[in-house]
């Protein structure tokens, strides 16, 4: 019976361990990625030249989007049809 109570206490304490993890990047690469995302969000690296699409480009983009709905979503994904998903090399 004591084991049951001890196990319950351990399970209840698990969420408290997540609070001890410091937020922020865990690597220099992640820090650099976050820096680039911040530049993008703030618009600090935005081009001064406004880029506009032509009506023909908008029409082509809309047509591609509409055509993408013509392909049915399969109920199951056939893994052999899409290639090797094992991560190994051949």
PDB file of N, CA and C in Angstrom:
ATOM      1  N   UNK A   1       0.820  -1.192   0.000  1.00  0.00           N
ATOM      2  CA  UNK A   1       0.000   0.000   0.000  1.00  0.00           C
ATOM      3  C   UNK A   1       0.861   1.252   0.000  1.00  0.00           C
ATOM      4  N   UNK A   2       1.979   1.212   0.715  1.00  0.00           N
ATOM      5  CA  UNK A   2       2.866   2.371   0.751  1.00  0.00           C
ATOM      6  C   UNK A   2       3.471   2.640  -0.618  1.00  0.00           C
ATOM      7  N   UNK A   3       3.729   1.576  -1.380  1.00  0.00           N
ATOM      8  CA  UNK A   3       4.292   1.735  -2.729  1.00  0.00           C
ATOM      9  C   UNK A   3       3.305   2.482  -3.613  1.00  0.00           C
ATOM     10  N   UNK A   4       2.034   2.200  -3.447  1.00  0.00           N
ATOM     11  CA  UNK A   4       0.999   2.870  -4.231  1.00  0.00           C
ATOM     12  C   UNK A   4       1.001   4.373  -3.937  1.00  0.00           C
ATOM     13  N   UNK A   5       1.070   4.741  -2.669  1.00  0.00           N
ATOM     14  CA  UNK A   5       1.099   6.157  -2.297  1.00  0.00           C
ATOM     15  C   UNK A   5       2.387   6.838  -2.781  1.00  0.00           C
ATOM     16  N   UNK A   6       3.492   6.136  -2.677  1.00  0.00           N
ATOM     17  CA  UNK A   6       4.766   6.689  -3.129  1.00  0.00           C
ATOM     18  C   UNK A   6       4.748   6.915  -4.637  1.00  0.00           C
ATOM     19  N   UNK A   7       4.228   5.959  -5.375  1.00  0.00           N
ATOM     20  CA  UNK A   7       4.133   6.101  -6.830  1.00  0.00           C
ATOM     21  C   UNK A   7       3.219   7.266  -7.193  1.00  0.00           C
ATOM     22  N   UNK A   8       2.141   7.442  -6.452  1.00  0.00           N
ATOM     23  CA  UNK A   8       1.227   8.556  -6.707  1.00  0.00           C
ATOM     24  C   UNK A   8       1.914   9.894  -6.465  1.00  0.00           C
ATOM     25  N   UNK A   9       2.678   9.976  -5.406  1.00  0.00           N
ATOM     26  CA  UNK A   9       3.390  11.222  -5.114  1.00  0.00           C
ATOM     27  C   UNK A   9       4.423  11.544  -6.184  1.00  0.00           C
ATOM     28  N   UNK A  10       5.118  10.532  -6.662  1.00  0.00           N
ATOM     29  CA  UNK A  10       6.111  10.737  -7.722  1.00  0.00           C
ATOM     30  C   UNK A  10       5.428  11.240  -8.990  1.00  0.00           C
ATOM     31  N   UNK A  11       4.288  10.641  -9.338  1.00  0.00           N
ATOM     32  CA  UNK A  11       3.564  11.083 -10.533  1.00  0.00           C
ATOM     33  C   UNK A  11       3.033  12.504 -10.382  1.00  0.00           C
ATOM     34  N   UNK A  12       2.606  12.849  -9.198  1.00  0.00           N
ATOM     35  CA  UNK A  12       2.120  14.212  -8.974  1.00  0.00           C
ATOM     36  C   UNK A  12       3.246  15.235  -9.021  1.00  0.00           C
ATOM     37  N   UNK A  13       4.452  14.832  -8.673  1.00  0.00           N
ATOM     38  CA  UNK A  13       5.590  15.752  -8.645  1.00  0.00           C
ATOM     39  C   UNK A  13       6.243  15.922 -10.014  1.00  0.00           C
ATOM     40  N   UNK A  14       5.938  15.063 -10.986  1.00  0.00           N
ATOM     41  CA  UNK A  14       6.577  15.145 -12.303  1.00  0.00           C
ATOM     42  C   UNK A  14       6.397  16.500 -12.994  1.00  0.00           C
ATOM     43  N   UNK A  15       5.207  17.100 -12.983  1.00  0.00           N
ATOM     44  CA  UNK A  15       5.078  18.400 -13.655  1.00  0.00           C
ATOM     45  C   UNK A  15       5.958  19.486 -13.027  1.00  0.00           C
ATOM     46  N   UNK A  16       6.274  19.360 -11.772  1.00  0.00           N
ATOM     47  CA  UNK A  16       7.108  20.368 -11.117  1.00  0.00           C
ATOM     48  C   UNK A  16       8.540  20.333 -11.635  1.00  0.00           C
ATOM     49  N   UNK A  17       8.991  19.187 -12.135  1.00  0.00           N
ATOM     50  CA  UNK A  17      10.355  19.105 -12.655  1.00  0.00           C
ATOM     51  C   UNK A  17      10.503  19.887 -13.948  1.00  0.00           C
ATOM     52  N   UNK A  18       9.427  20.054 -14.709  1.00  0.00           N
ATOM     53  CA  UNK A  18       9.492  20.807 -15.965  1.00  0.00           C
ATOM     54  C   UNK A  18       9.726  22.285 -15.711  1.00  0.00           C
ATOM     55  N   UNK A  19       9.353  22.779 -14.551  1.00  0.00           N
ATOM     56  CA  UNK A  19       9.541  24.195 -14.231  1.00  0.00           C
ATOM     57  C   UNK A  19      11.012  24.547 -14.044  1.00  0.00           C
ATOM     58  N   UNK A  20      11.852  23.560 -13.819  1.00  0.00           N
ATOM     59  CA  UNK A  20      13.264  23.817 -13.568  1.00  0.00           C
ATOM     60  C   UNK A  20      14.057  24.015 -14.861  1.00  0.00           C
ATOM     61  N   UNK A  21      13.456  23.749 -16.019  1.00  0.00           N
ATOM     62  CA  UNK A  21      14.162  23.878 -17.293  1.00  0.00           C
ATOM     63  C   UNK A  21      14.213  25.355 -17.679  1.00  0.00           C
ATOM     64  N   UNK A  22      15.405  25.850 -17.918  1.00  0.00           N
ATOM     65  CA  UNK A  22      15.572  27.244 -18.304  1.00  0.00           C
ATOM     66  C   UNK A  22      15.090  27.443 -19.739  1.00  0.00           C
ATOM     67  N   UNK A  23      14.305  28.472 -19.992  1.00  0.00           N
ATOM     68  CA  UNK A  23      13.891  28.738 -21.368  1.00  0.00           C
ATOM     69  C   UNK A  23      15.045  29.321 -22.174  1.00  0.00           C
ATOM     70  N   UNK A  24      14.938  29.218 -23.468  1.00  0.00           N
ATOM     71  CA  UNK A  24      15.949  29.808 -24.328  1.00  0.00           C
ATOM     72  C   UNK A  24      16.634  28.768 -25.177  1.00  0.00           C
ATOM     73  N   UNK A  25      17.499  29.242 -26.057  1.00  0.00           N
ATOM     74  CA  UNK A  25      18.164  28.323 -26.990  1.00  0.00           C
ATOM     75  C   UNK A  25      19.114  27.367 -26.275  1.00  0.00           C
ATOM     76  N   UNK A  26      19.186  26.165 -26.825  1.00  0.00           N
ATOM     77  CA  UNK A  26      20.046  25.158 -26.218  1.00  0.00           C
ATOM     78  C   UNK A  26      21.363  25.007 -26.960  1.00  0.00           C
ATOM     79  N   UNK A  27      21.516  25.730 -28.069  1.00  0.00           N
ATOM     80  CA  UNK A  27      22.750  25.623 -28.839  1.00  0.00           C
ATOM     81  C   UNK A  27      22.998  26.934 -29.573  1.00  0.00           C
ATOM     82  N   UNK A  28      24.240  27.164 -30.009  1.00  0.00           N
ATOM     83  CA  UNK A  28      24.519  28.373 -30.800  1.00  0.00           C
ATOM     84  C   UNK A  28      23.706  28.409 -32.098  1.00  0.00           C
ATOM     85  N   UNK A  29      23.466  27.257 -32.698  1.00  0.00           N
ATOM     86  CA  UNK A  29      22.677  27.217 -33.929  1.00  0.00           C
ATOM     87  C   UNK A  29      21.233  27.649 -33.667  1.00  0.00           C
ATOM     88  N   UNK A  30      20.686  27.200 -32.557  1.00  0.00           N
ATOM     89  CA  UNK A  30      19.321  27.597 -32.221  1.00  0.00           C
ATOM     90  C   UNK A  30      19.266  29.084 -31.911  1.00  0.00           C
ATOM     91  N   UNK A  31      20.273  29.612 -31.250  1.00  0.00           N
ATOM     92  CA  UNK A  31      20.323  31.043 -30.959  1.00  0.00           C
ATOM     93  C   UNK A  31      20.345  31.849 -32.256  1.00  0.00           C
ATOM     94  N   UNK A  32      21.144  31.402 -33.228  1.00  0.00           N
ATOM     95  CA  UNK A  32      21.214  32.103 -34.511  1.00  0.00           C
ATOM     96  C   UNK A  32      19.881  32.036 -35.243  1.00  0.00           C
ATOM     97  N   UNK A  33      19.219  30.886 -35.183  1.00  0.00           N
ATOM     98  CA  UNK A  33      17.901  30.748 -35.804  1.00  0.00           C
ATOM     99  C   UNK A  33      16.912  31.708 -35.159  1.00  0.00           C
ATOM    100  N   UNK A  34      16.934  31.787 -33.830  1.00  0.00           N
ATOM    101  CA  UNK A  34      16.020  32.699 -33.140  1.00  0.00           C
ATOM    102  C   UNK A  34      16.326  34.152 -33.474  1.00  0.00           C
ATOM    103  N   UNK A  35      17.610  34.484 -33.662  1.00  0.00           N
ATOM    104  CA  UNK A  35      17.967  35.845 -34.068  1.00  0.00           C
ATOM    105  C   UNK A  35      17.376  36.189 -35.431  1.00  0.00           C
ATOM    106  N   UNK A  36      17.478  35.258 -36.388  1.00  0.00           N
ATOM    107  CA  UNK A  36      16.928  35.497 -37.721  1.00  0.00           C
ATOM    108  C   UNK A  36      15.408  35.620 -37.669  1.00  0.00           C
ATOM    109  N   UNK A  37      14.761  34.785 -36.863  1.00  0.00           N
ATOM    110  CA  UNK A  37      13.309  34.866 -36.748  1.00  0.00           C
ATOM    111  C   UNK A  37      12.878  36.193 -36.127  1.00  0.00           C
ATOM    112  N   UNK A  38      13.655  36.687 -35.170  1.00  0.00           N
ATOM    113  CA  UNK A  38      13.352  37.979 -34.557  1.00  0.00           C
ATOM    114  C   UNK A  38      13.485  39.102 -35.583  1.00  0.00           C
ATOM    115  N   UNK A  39      14.529  39.045 -36.401  1.00  0.00           N
ATOM    116  CA  UNK A  39      14.681  40.043 -37.463  1.00  0.00           C
ATOM    117  C   UNK A  39      13.481  40.014 -38.404  1.00  0.00           C
ATOM    118  N   UNK A  40      13.024  38.823 -38.710  1.00  0.00           N
ATOM    119  CA  UNK A  40      11.889  38.687 -39.617  1.00  0.00           C
ATOM    120  C   UNK A  40      10.613  39.239 -38.981  1.00  0.00           C
ATOM    121  N   UNK A  41      10.392  38.927 -37.724  1.00  0.00           N
ATOM    122  CA  UNK A  41       9.188  39.390 -37.029  1.00  0.00           C
ATOM    123  C   UNK A  41       9.183  40.902 -36.898  1.00  0.00           C
ATOM    124  N   UNK A  42      10.319  41.467 -36.519  1.00  0.00           N
ATOM    125  CA  UNK A  42      10.407  42.909 -36.314  1.00  0.00           C
ATOM    126  C   UNK A  42      10.469  43.703 -37.608  1.00  0.00           C
ATOM    127  N   UNK A  43      10.773  43.036 -38.716  1.00  0.00           N
ATOM    128  CA  UNK A  43      10.888  43.725 -39.989  1.00  0.00           C
ATOM    129  C   UNK A  43      12.200  44.483 -40.134  1.00  0.00           C
ATOM    130  N   UNK A  44      13.182  44.209 -39.285  1.00  0.00           N
ATOM    131  CA  UNK A  44      14.451  44.934 -39.314  1.00  0.00           C
ATOM    132  C   UNK A  44      15.259  44.623 -40.568  1.00  0.00           C
ATOM    133  N   UNK A  45      15.065  43.449 -41.153  1.00  0.00           N
ATOM    134  CA  UNK A  45      15.822  43.075 -42.336  1.00  0.00           C
ATOM    135  C   UNK A  45      14.940  43.104 -43.582  1.00  0.00           C
ATOM    136  N   UNK A  46      13.826  43.806 -43.510  1.00  0.00           N
ATOM    137  CA  UNK A  46      12.905  43.854 -44.640  1.00  0.00           C
ATOM    138  C   UNK A  46      13.476  44.715 -45.758  1.00  0.00           C
ATOM    139  N   UNK A  47      13.137  44.368 -46.965  1.00  0.00           N
ATOM    140  CA  UNK A  47      13.570  45.129 -48.130  1.00  0.00           C
ATOM    141  C   UNK A  47      12.834  46.464 -48.174  1.00  0.00           C
ATOM    142  N   UNK A  48      13.513  47.466 -48.644  1.00  0.00           N
ATOM    143  CA  UNK A  48      12.887  48.776 -48.801  1.00  0.00           C
ATOM    144  C   UNK A  48      12.055  48.836 -50.078  1.00  0.00           C
ATOM    145  N   UNK A  49      12.272  47.867 -50.957  1.00  0.00           N
ATOM    146  CA  UNK A  49      11.548  47.822 -52.224  1.00  0.00           C
ATOM    147  C   UNK A  49      10.313  46.949 -52.040  1.00  0.00           C
ATOM    148  N   UNK A  50       9.147  47.544 -52.223  1.00  0.00           N
ATOM    149  CA  UNK A  50       7.912  46.797 -52.098  1.00  0.00           C
ATOM    150  C   UNK A  50       7.778  45.852 -53.275  1.00  0.00           C
ATOM    151  N   UNK A  51       7.497  44.592 -52.980  1.00  0.00           N
ATOM    152  CA  UNK A  51       7.353  43.597 -54.031  1.00  0.00           C
ATOM    153  C   UNK A  51       5.871  43.305 -54.227  1.00  0.00           C
ATOM    154  N   UNK A  52       5.407  43.508 -55.433  1.00  0.00           N
ATOM    155  CA  UNK A  52       3.996  43.290 -55.743  1.00  0.00           C
ATOM    156  C   UNK A  52       3.864  42.194 -56.781  1.00  0.00           C
ATOM    157  N   UNK A  53       2.783  41.465 -56.690  1.00  0.00           N
ATOM    158  CA  UNK A  53       2.513  40.436 -57.689  1.00  0.00           C
ATOM    159  C   UNK A  53       1.598  41.011 -58.753  1.00  0.00           C
ATOM    160  N   UNK A  54       1.769  40.510 -59.949  1.00  0.00           N
ATOM    161  CA  UNK A  54       0.904  40.938 -61.043  1.00  0.00           C
ATOM    162  C   UNK A  54      -0.402  40.163 -60.963  1.00  0.00           C
ATOM    163  N   UNK A  55      -1.444  40.664 -61.606  1.00  0.00           N
ATOM    164  CA  UNK A  55      -2.699  39.899 -61.621  1.00  0.00           C
ATOM    165  C   UNK A  55      -2.517  38.492 -62.202  1.00  0.00           C
ATOM    166  N   UNK A  56      -1.640  38.344 -63.192  1.00  0.00           N
ATOM    167  CA  UNK A  56      -1.406  37.022 -63.777  1.00  0.00           C
ATOM    168  C   UNK A  56      -0.752  36.084 -62.763  1.00  0.00           C
ATOM    169  N   UNK A  57       0.191  36.595 -61.980  1.00  0.00           N
ATOM    170  CA  UNK A  57       0.847  35.774 -60.957  1.00  0.00           C
ATOM    171  C   UNK A  57      -0.142  35.356 -59.874  1.00  0.00           C
ATOM    172  N   UNK A  58      -1.001  36.289 -59.474  1.00  0.00           N
ATOM    173  CA  UNK A  58      -2.023  35.958 -58.475  1.00  0.00           C
ATOM    174  C   UNK A  58      -2.975  34.891 -59.001  1.00  0.00           C
ATOM    175  N   UNK A  59      -3.339  35.009 -60.279  1.00  0.00           N
ATOM    176  CA  UNK A  59      -4.241  34.030 -60.883  1.00  0.00           C
ATOM    177  C   UNK A  59      -3.584  32.651 -60.946  1.00  0.00           C
ATOM    178  N   UNK A  60      -2.297  32.599 -61.303  1.00  0.00           N
ATOM    179  CA  UNK A  60      -1.587  31.319 -61.346  1.00  0.00           C
ATOM    180  C   UNK A  60      -1.485  30.695 -59.960  1.00  0.00           C
ATOM    181  N   UNK A  61      -1.196  31.501 -58.958  1.00  0.00           N
ATOM    182  CA  UNK A  61      -1.095  30.992 -57.590  1.00  0.00           C
ATOM    183  C   UNK A  61      -2.446  30.451 -57.125  1.00  0.00           C
ATOM    184  N   UNK A  62      -3.511  31.171 -57.435  1.00  0.00           N
ATOM    185  CA  UNK A  62      -4.851  30.719 -57.044  1.00  0.00           C
ATOM    186  C   UNK A  62      -5.200  29.422 -57.764  1.00  0.00           C
ATOM    187  N   UNK A  63      -4.824  29.330 -59.040  1.00  0.00           N
ATOM    188  CA  UNK A  63      -5.126  28.120 -59.794  1.00  0.00           C
ATOM    189  C   UNK A  63      -4.356  26.917 -59.240  1.00  0.00           C
ATOM    190  N   UNK A  64      -3.081  27.119 -58.855  1.00  0.00           N
ATOM    191  CA  UNK A  64      -2.302  26.029 -58.247  1.00  0.00           C
ATOM    192  C   UNK A  64      -2.962  25.569 -56.955  1.00  0.00           C
ATOM    193  N   UNK A  65      -3.432  26.526 -56.170  1.00  0.00           N
ATOM    194  CA  UNK A  65      -4.083  26.182 -54.906  1.00  0.00           C
ATOM    195  C   UNK A  65      -5.371  25.406 -55.158  1.00  0.00           C
ATOM    196  N   UNK A  66      -6.164  25.858 -56.137  1.00  0.00           N
ATOM    197  CA  UNK A  66      -7.406  25.156 -56.454  1.00  0.00           C
ATOM    198  C   UNK A  66      -7.115  23.757 -56.997  1.00  0.00           C
ATOM    199  N   UNK A  67      -6.091  23.631 -57.840  1.00  0.00           N
ATOM    200  CA  UNK A  67      -5.735  22.324 -58.403  1.00  0.00           C
ATOM    201  C   UNK A  67      -5.247  21.363 -57.333  1.00  0.00           C
ATOM    202  N   UNK A  68      -4.659  21.886 -56.258  1.00  0.00           N
ATOM    203  CA  UNK A  68      -4.157  21.003 -55.205  1.00  0.00           C
ATOM    204  C   UNK A  68      -5.297  20.252 -54.514  1.00  0.00           C
ATOM    205  N   UNK A  69      -6.511  20.782 -54.607  1.00  0.00           N
ATOM    206  CA  UNK A  69      -7.664  20.120 -53.994  1.00  0.00           C
ATOM    207  C   UNK A  69      -8.208  18.985 -54.846  1.00  0.00           C
ATOM    208  N   UNK A  70      -7.685  18.809 -56.051  1.00  0.00           N
ATOM    209  CA  UNK A  70      -8.155  17.738 -56.923  1.00  0.00           C
ATOM    210  C   UNK A  70      -7.589  16.381 -56.523  1.00  0.00           C
ATOM    211  N   UNK A  71      -6.537  16.376 -55.738  1.00  0.00           N
ATOM    212  CA  UNK A  71      -5.908  15.132 -55.324  1.00  0.00           C
ATOM    213  C   UNK A  71      -6.560  14.652 -54.026  1.00  0.00           C
ATOM    214  N   UNK A  72      -7.131  13.452 -54.022  1.00  0.00           N
ATOM    215  CA  UNK A  72      -7.790  12.967 -52.801  1.00  0.00           C
ATOM    216  C   UNK A  72      -6.765  12.658 -51.714  1.00  0.00           C
ATOM    217  N   UNK A  73      -7.172  12.882 -50.492  1.00  0.00           N
ATOM    218  CA  UNK A  73      -6.326  12.549 -49.349  1.00  0.00           C
ATOM    219  C   UNK A  73      -6.539  11.067 -49.045  1.00  0.00           C
ATOM    220  N   UNK A  74      -5.478  10.266 -49.131  1.00  0.00           N
ATOM    221  CA  UNK A  74      -5.652   8.826 -48.903  1.00  0.00           C
ATOM    222  C   UNK A  74      -5.974   8.539 -47.435  1.00  0.00           C
ATOM    223  N   UNK A  75      -6.747   7.479 -47.232  1.00  0.00           N
ATOM    224  CA  UNK A  75      -7.089   7.087 -45.863  1.00  0.00           C
ATOM    225  C   UNK A  75      -5.849   6.618 -45.115  1.00  0.00           C
ATOM    226  N   UNK A  76      -4.965   5.905 -45.845  1.00  0.00           N
ATOM    227  CA  UNK A  76      -3.720   5.431 -45.256  1.00  0.00           C
ATOM    228  C   UNK A  76      -2.578   5.806 -46.183  1.00  0.00           C
ATOM    229  N   UNK A  77      -1.428   6.092 -45.619  1.00  0.00           N
ATOM    230  CA  UNK A  77      -0.249   6.426 -46.403  1.00  0.00           C
ATOM    231  C   UNK A  77       0.551   5.169 -46.667  1.00  0.00           C
ATOM    232  N   UNK A  78       0.795   4.865 -47.927  1.00  0.00           N
ATOM    233  CA  UNK A  78       1.584   3.703 -48.304  1.00  0.00           C
ATOM    234  C   UNK A  78       3.060   4.089 -48.221  1.00  0.00           C
ATOM    235  N   UNK A  79       3.763   3.606 -47.218  1.00  0.00           N
ATOM    236  CA  UNK A  79       5.139   4.019 -46.986  1.00  0.00           C
ATOM    237  C   UNK A  79       6.069   3.593 -48.103  1.00  0.00           C
ATOM    238  N   UNK A  80       5.786   2.485 -48.760  1.00  0.00           N
ATOM    239  CA  UNK A  80       6.665   2.030 -49.838  1.00  0.00           C
ATOM    240  C   UNK A  80       6.538   2.912 -51.068  1.00  0.00           C
ATOM    241  N   UNK A  81       5.418   3.565 -51.241  1.00  0.00           N
ATOM    242  CA  UNK A  81       5.225   4.431 -52.402  1.00  0.00           C
ATOM    243  C   UNK A  81       6.021   5.721 -52.276  1.00  0.00           C
ATOM    244  N   UNK A  82       6.307   6.153 -51.057  1.00  0.00           N
ATOM    245  CA  UNK A  82       6.981   7.422 -50.850  1.00  0.00           C
ATOM    246  C   UNK A  82       8.467   7.316 -50.676  1.00  0.00           C
ATOM    247  N   UNK A  83       9.012   6.128 -50.610  1.00  0.00           N
ATOM    248  CA  UNK A  83      10.438   5.981 -50.417  1.00  0.00           C
ATOM    249  C   UNK A  83      10.755   5.391 -49.063  1.00  0.00           C
ATOM    250  N   UNK A  84      12.021   5.347 -48.756  1.00  0.00           N
ATOM    251  CA  UNK A  84      12.516   4.731 -47.522  1.00  0.00           C
ATOM    252  C   UNK A  84      12.355   5.705 -46.353  1.00  0.00           C
ATOM    253  N   UNK A  85      11.670   5.285 -45.308  1.00  0.00           N
ATOM    254  CA  UNK A  85      11.493   6.119 -44.129  1.00  0.00           C
ATOM    255  C   UNK A  85      12.302   5.630 -42.943  1.00  0.00           C
ATOM    256  N   UNK A  86      13.158   4.633 -43.176  1.00  0.00           N
ATOM    257  CA  UNK A  86      13.904   4.062 -42.061  1.00  0.00           C
ATOM    258  C   UNK A  86      15.093   4.917 -41.643  1.00  0.00           C
ATOM    259  N   UNK A  87      15.481   5.867 -42.480  1.00  0.00           N
ATOM    260  CA  UNK A  87      16.613   6.732 -42.129  1.00  0.00           C
ATOM    261  C   UNK A  87      17.950   6.156 -42.508  1.00  0.00           C
ATOM    262  N   UNK A  88      17.989   4.918 -42.944  1.00  0.00           N
ATOM    263  CA  UNK A  88      19.243   4.286 -43.318  1.00  0.00           C
ATOM    264  C   UNK A  88      19.578   4.552 -44.780  1.00  0.00           C
ATOM    265  N   UNK A  89      20.819   4.321 -45.136  1.00  0.00           N
ATOM    266  CA  UNK A  89      21.217   4.506 -46.521  1.00  0.00           C
ATOM    267  C   UNK A  89      21.170   3.159 -47.233  1.00  0.00           C
ATOM    268  N   UNK A  90      21.036   3.206 -48.553  1.00  0.00           N
ATOM    269  CA  UNK A  90      20.934   1.975 -49.347  1.00  0.00           C
ATOM    270  C   UNK A  90      22.265   1.470 -49.761  1.00  0.00           C
TER     271      UNK A  90
END
